[in-house]
Amino acid sequence: MPKLYYTPTSCGASNFIAAFYAEVSIEAETVDLRTHTTASGVDFYTINPKGNVPALVLDDGTLLNENAATLQAIADLVSP
């Protein structure tokens, strides 16, 4: 299952909202950008070396970390 890293106060929230309304199954975790740690306590730089959100890790391990790319990937996950 793809995993989205986002903050609720950034453009990354649009990815969470898009997945929710499109009923796409993703795992989601918030990131504290001041400390660059995830809600589960992981150093976010180990997931995304750029340190930016949104970051979407696909099932094959591919990391997407720009809003346009992550939104398109979520759209691609919508079942026809």
N, C-alpha and C. Protein backbone atom coordinates (compact mmCIF):
# COMPACT_ATOMS: atom_id res chain seq x y z
N MET A 1 0.85 -1.17 0.00
CA MET A 1 0.00 0.00 0.00
C MET A 1 0.90 1.24 0.00
N PRO A 2 0.66 2.19 -0.89
CA PRO A 2 1.46 3.41 -0.91
C PRO A 2 1.35 4.16 0.43
N LYS A 3 2.43 4.87 0.76
CA LYS A 3 2.43 5.63 2.01
C LYS A 3 2.70 7.10 1.71
N LEU A 4 1.81 7.94 2.23
CA LEU A 4 1.91 9.39 2.04
C LEU A 4 2.43 10.03 3.31
N TYR A 5 3.44 10.86 3.17
CA TYR A 5 3.94 11.68 4.26
C TYR A 5 3.54 13.11 3.94
N TYR A 6 2.91 13.78 4.90
CA TYR A 6 2.38 15.11 4.63
C TYR A 6 2.29 15.91 5.92
N THR A 7 2.00 17.18 5.77
CA THR A 7 1.65 18.03 6.91
C THR A 7 0.27 18.60 6.61
N PRO A 8 -0.57 18.71 7.62
CA PRO A 8 -1.93 19.20 7.39
C PRO A 8 -1.99 20.67 7.01
N THR A 9 -0.91 21.40 7.18
CA THR A 9 -0.90 22.84 6.89
C THR A 9 -0.10 23.19 5.65
N SER A 10 0.14 22.23 4.78
CA SER A 10 0.90 22.49 3.55
C SER A 10 0.13 21.94 2.36
N CYS A 11 0.71 22.12 1.19
CA CYS A 11 0.07 21.60 -0.02
C CYS A 11 -0.03 20.08 0.02
N GLY A 12 0.74 19.44 0.88
CA GLY A 12 0.65 17.99 1.02
C GLY A 12 -0.71 17.52 1.49
N ALA A 13 -1.43 18.39 2.18
CA ALA A 13 -2.77 18.03 2.63
C ALA A 13 -3.69 17.75 1.46
N SER A 14 -3.44 18.39 0.32
CA SER A 14 -4.28 18.14 -0.86
C SER A 14 -4.19 16.69 -1.30
N ASN A 15 -3.05 16.06 -1.10
CA ASN A 15 -2.88 14.65 -1.44
C ASN A 15 -3.73 13.76 -0.54
N PHE A 16 -3.72 14.07 0.75
CA PHE A 16 -4.53 13.32 1.71
C PHE A 16 -6.01 13.47 1.37
N ILE A 17 -6.42 14.68 1.07
CA ILE A 17 -7.82 14.95 0.74
C ILE A 17 -8.21 14.25 -0.56
N ALA A 18 -7.35 14.33 -1.57
CA ALA A 18 -7.64 13.69 -2.86
C ALA A 18 -7.79 12.18 -2.70
N ALA A 19 -6.90 11.56 -1.95
CA ALA A 19 -6.97 10.12 -1.73
C ALA A 19 -8.24 9.75 -0.97
N PHE A 20 -8.58 10.55 0.00
CA PHE A 20 -9.79 10.28 0.80
C PHE A 20 -11.03 10.33 -0.08
N TYR A 21 -11.19 11.41 -0.83
CA TYR A 21 -12.40 11.55 -1.65
C TYR A 21 -12.44 10.61 -2.85
N ALA A 22 -11.26 10.19 -3.33
CA ALA A 22 -11.23 9.23 -4.44
C ALA A 22 -11.31 7.80 -3.93
N GLU A 23 -11.36 7.65 -2.61
CA GLU A 23 -11.42 6.34 -1.96
C GLU A 23 -10.25 5.45 -2.36
N VAL A 24 -9.07 6.07 -2.42
CA VAL A 24 -7.83 5.35 -2.72
C VAL A 24 -7.23 4.90 -1.39
N SER A 25 -6.86 3.64 -1.32
CA SER A 25 -6.26 3.11 -0.10
C SER A 25 -4.78 3.49 -0.04
N ILE A 26 -4.46 4.36 0.88
CA ILE A 26 -3.07 4.71 1.14
C ILE A 26 -2.88 4.75 2.65
N GLU A 27 -1.65 4.57 3.04
CA GLU A 27 -1.28 4.78 4.43
C GLU A 27 -0.80 6.22 4.52
N ALA A 28 -1.11 6.92 5.58
CA ALA A 28 -0.71 8.32 5.70
C ALA A 28 -0.08 8.57 7.06
N GLU A 29 0.94 9.42 7.04
CA GLU A 29 1.61 9.78 8.29
C GLU A 29 2.03 11.23 8.21
N THR A 30 1.80 11.95 9.29
CA THR A 30 2.18 13.36 9.31
C THR A 30 3.67 13.51 9.64
N VAL A 31 4.20 14.66 9.22
CA VAL A 31 5.61 14.97 9.44
C VAL A 31 5.68 16.33 10.13
N ASP A 32 6.52 16.43 11.14
CA ASP A 32 6.80 17.70 11.79
C ASP A 32 7.99 18.31 11.06
N LEU A 33 7.76 19.35 10.31
CA LEU A 33 8.83 19.93 9.50
C LEU A 33 9.85 20.72 10.32
N ARG A 34 9.52 21.07 11.53
CA ARG A 34 10.51 21.74 12.39
C ARG A 34 11.59 20.77 12.84
N THR A 35 11.18 19.55 13.17
CA THR A 35 12.13 18.54 13.65
C THR A 35 12.47 17.50 12.59
N HIS A 36 11.73 17.51 11.50
CA HIS A 36 11.87 16.53 10.42
C HIS A 36 11.75 15.10 10.94
N THR A 37 10.74 14.90 11.79
CA THR A 37 10.42 13.56 12.26
C THR A 37 8.97 13.25 11.92
N THR A 38 8.72 11.98 11.68
CA THR A 38 7.36 11.54 11.38
C THR A 38 6.60 11.35 12.69
N ALA A 39 5.30 11.18 12.59
CA ALA A 39 4.48 10.96 13.77
C ALA A 39 4.93 9.73 14.55
N SER A 40 5.52 8.76 13.87
CA SER A 40 6.00 7.55 14.54
C SER A 40 7.43 7.70 15.06
N GLY A 41 8.03 8.90 14.89
CA GLY A 41 9.35 9.16 15.44
C GLY A 41 10.53 8.90 14.52
N VAL A 42 10.27 8.59 13.27
CA VAL A 42 11.34 8.29 12.31
C VAL A 42 11.92 9.61 11.77
N ASP A 43 13.24 9.65 11.59
CA ASP A 43 13.90 10.79 10.96
C ASP A 43 13.42 10.86 9.51
N PHE A 44 12.70 11.91 9.16
CA PHE A 44 12.11 12.02 7.83
C PHE A 44 13.15 12.06 6.73
N TYR A 45 14.35 12.56 7.03
CA TYR A 45 15.41 12.59 6.01
C TYR A 45 15.81 11.18 5.56
N THR A 46 15.56 10.16 6.37
CA THR A 46 15.86 8.79 5.94
C THR A 46 14.84 8.30 4.92
N ILE A 47 13.69 8.93 4.89
CA ILE A 47 12.64 8.57 3.92
C ILE A 47 12.76 9.43 2.68
N ASN A 48 12.90 10.73 2.89
CA ASN A 48 13.03 11.69 1.80
C ASN A 48 14.22 12.60 2.07
N PRO A 49 15.33 12.37 1.40
CA PRO A 49 16.53 13.18 1.64
C PRO A 49 16.32 14.68 1.41
N LYS A 50 15.34 15.05 0.60
CA LYS A 50 15.06 16.47 0.38
C LYS A 50 14.34 17.09 1.58
N GLY A 51 13.67 16.26 2.37
CA GLY A 51 12.99 16.74 3.57
C GLY A 51 11.68 17.47 3.32
N ASN A 52 11.19 17.42 2.08
CA ASN A 52 9.95 18.15 1.79
C ASN A 52 8.74 17.23 1.75
N VAL A 53 7.59 17.82 1.94
CA VAL A 53 6.32 17.10 1.82
C VAL A 53 5.51 17.78 0.73
N PRO A 54 4.64 17.07 0.07
CA PRO A 54 4.31 15.68 0.28
C PRO A 54 5.39 14.75 -0.28
N ALA A 55 5.42 13.58 0.30
CA ALA A 55 6.28 12.51 -0.19
C ALA A 55 5.41 11.26 -0.24
N LEU A 56 5.42 10.61 -1.37
CA LEU A 56 4.62 9.40 -1.55
C LEU A 56 5.56 8.26 -1.91
N VAL A 57 5.54 7.22 -1.09
CA VAL A 57 6.35 6.03 -1.36
C VAL A 57 5.41 4.98 -1.93
N LEU A 58 5.66 4.60 -3.19
CA LEU A 58 4.83 3.62 -3.88
C LEU A 58 5.18 2.20 -3.43
N ASP A 59 4.35 1.26 -3.81
CA ASP A 59 4.56 -0.15 -3.42
C ASP A 59 5.91 -0.70 -3.84
N ASP A 60 6.44 -0.22 -4.96
CA ASP A 60 7.73 -0.72 -5.44
C ASP A 60 8.92 0.02 -4.83
N GLY A 61 8.64 0.96 -3.89
CA GLY A 61 9.70 1.70 -3.23
C GLY A 61 10.03 3.03 -3.87
N THR A 62 9.42 3.33 -5.01
CA THR A 62 9.65 4.60 -5.68
C THR A 62 9.18 5.75 -4.79
N LEU A 63 10.00 6.79 -4.69
CA LEU A 63 9.66 7.97 -3.90
C LEU A 63 9.31 9.11 -4.84
N LEU A 64 8.12 9.65 -4.67
CA LEU A 64 7.70 10.85 -5.39
C LEU A 64 7.60 11.95 -4.35
N ASN A 65 8.15 13.14 -4.67
CA ASN A 65 8.14 14.17 -3.64
C ASN A 65 7.86 15.58 -4.16
N GLU A 66 7.11 15.68 -5.19
CA GLU A 66 6.63 16.97 -5.65
C GLU A 66 5.11 16.87 -5.78
N ASN A 67 4.41 17.92 -5.40
CA ASN A 67 2.96 17.87 -5.30
C ASN A 67 2.29 17.41 -6.59
N ALA A 68 2.71 17.92 -7.73
CA ALA A 68 2.08 17.53 -8.99
C ALA A 68 2.26 16.03 -9.24
N ALA A 69 3.43 15.51 -8.96
CA ALA A 69 3.71 14.08 -9.18
C ALA A 69 2.93 13.21 -8.21
N THR A 70 2.83 13.62 -6.96
CA THR A 70 2.13 12.81 -5.98
C THR A 70 0.63 12.81 -6.24
N LEU A 71 0.09 13.96 -6.62
CA LEU A 71 -1.35 14.01 -6.95
C LEU A 71 -1.66 13.15 -8.17
N GLN A 72 -0.80 13.18 -9.18
CA GLN A 72 -1.02 12.35 -10.37
C GLN A 72 -0.95 10.87 -10.01
N ALA A 73 0.00 10.50 -9.15
CA ALA A 73 0.13 9.10 -8.75
C ALA A 73 -1.12 8.64 -8.00
N ILE A 74 -1.67 9.50 -7.16
CA ILE A 74 -2.90 9.15 -6.45
C ILE A 74 -4.05 9.00 -7.45
N ALA A 75 -4.12 9.88 -8.42
CA ALA A 75 -5.17 9.78 -9.45
C ALA A 75 -5.01 8.47 -10.22
N ASP A 76 -3.79 8.06 -10.49
CA ASP A 76 -3.53 6.82 -11.22
C ASP A 76 -3.95 5.57 -10.42
N LEU A 77 -4.05 5.72 -9.10
CA LEU A 77 -4.45 4.60 -8.25
C LEU A 77 -5.96 4.39 -8.18
N VAL A 78 -6.72 5.34 -8.73
CA VAL A 78 -8.18 5.23 -8.70
C VAL A 78 -8.60 4.08 -9.60
N SER A 79 -9.42 3.19 -9.06
CA SER A 79 -9.92 2.07 -9.84
C SER A 79 -10.95 2.56 -10.86
N PRO A 80 -10.82 2.08 -12.12
CA PRO A 80 -11.78 2.52 -13.14
C PRO A 80 -13.17 1.99 -12.91
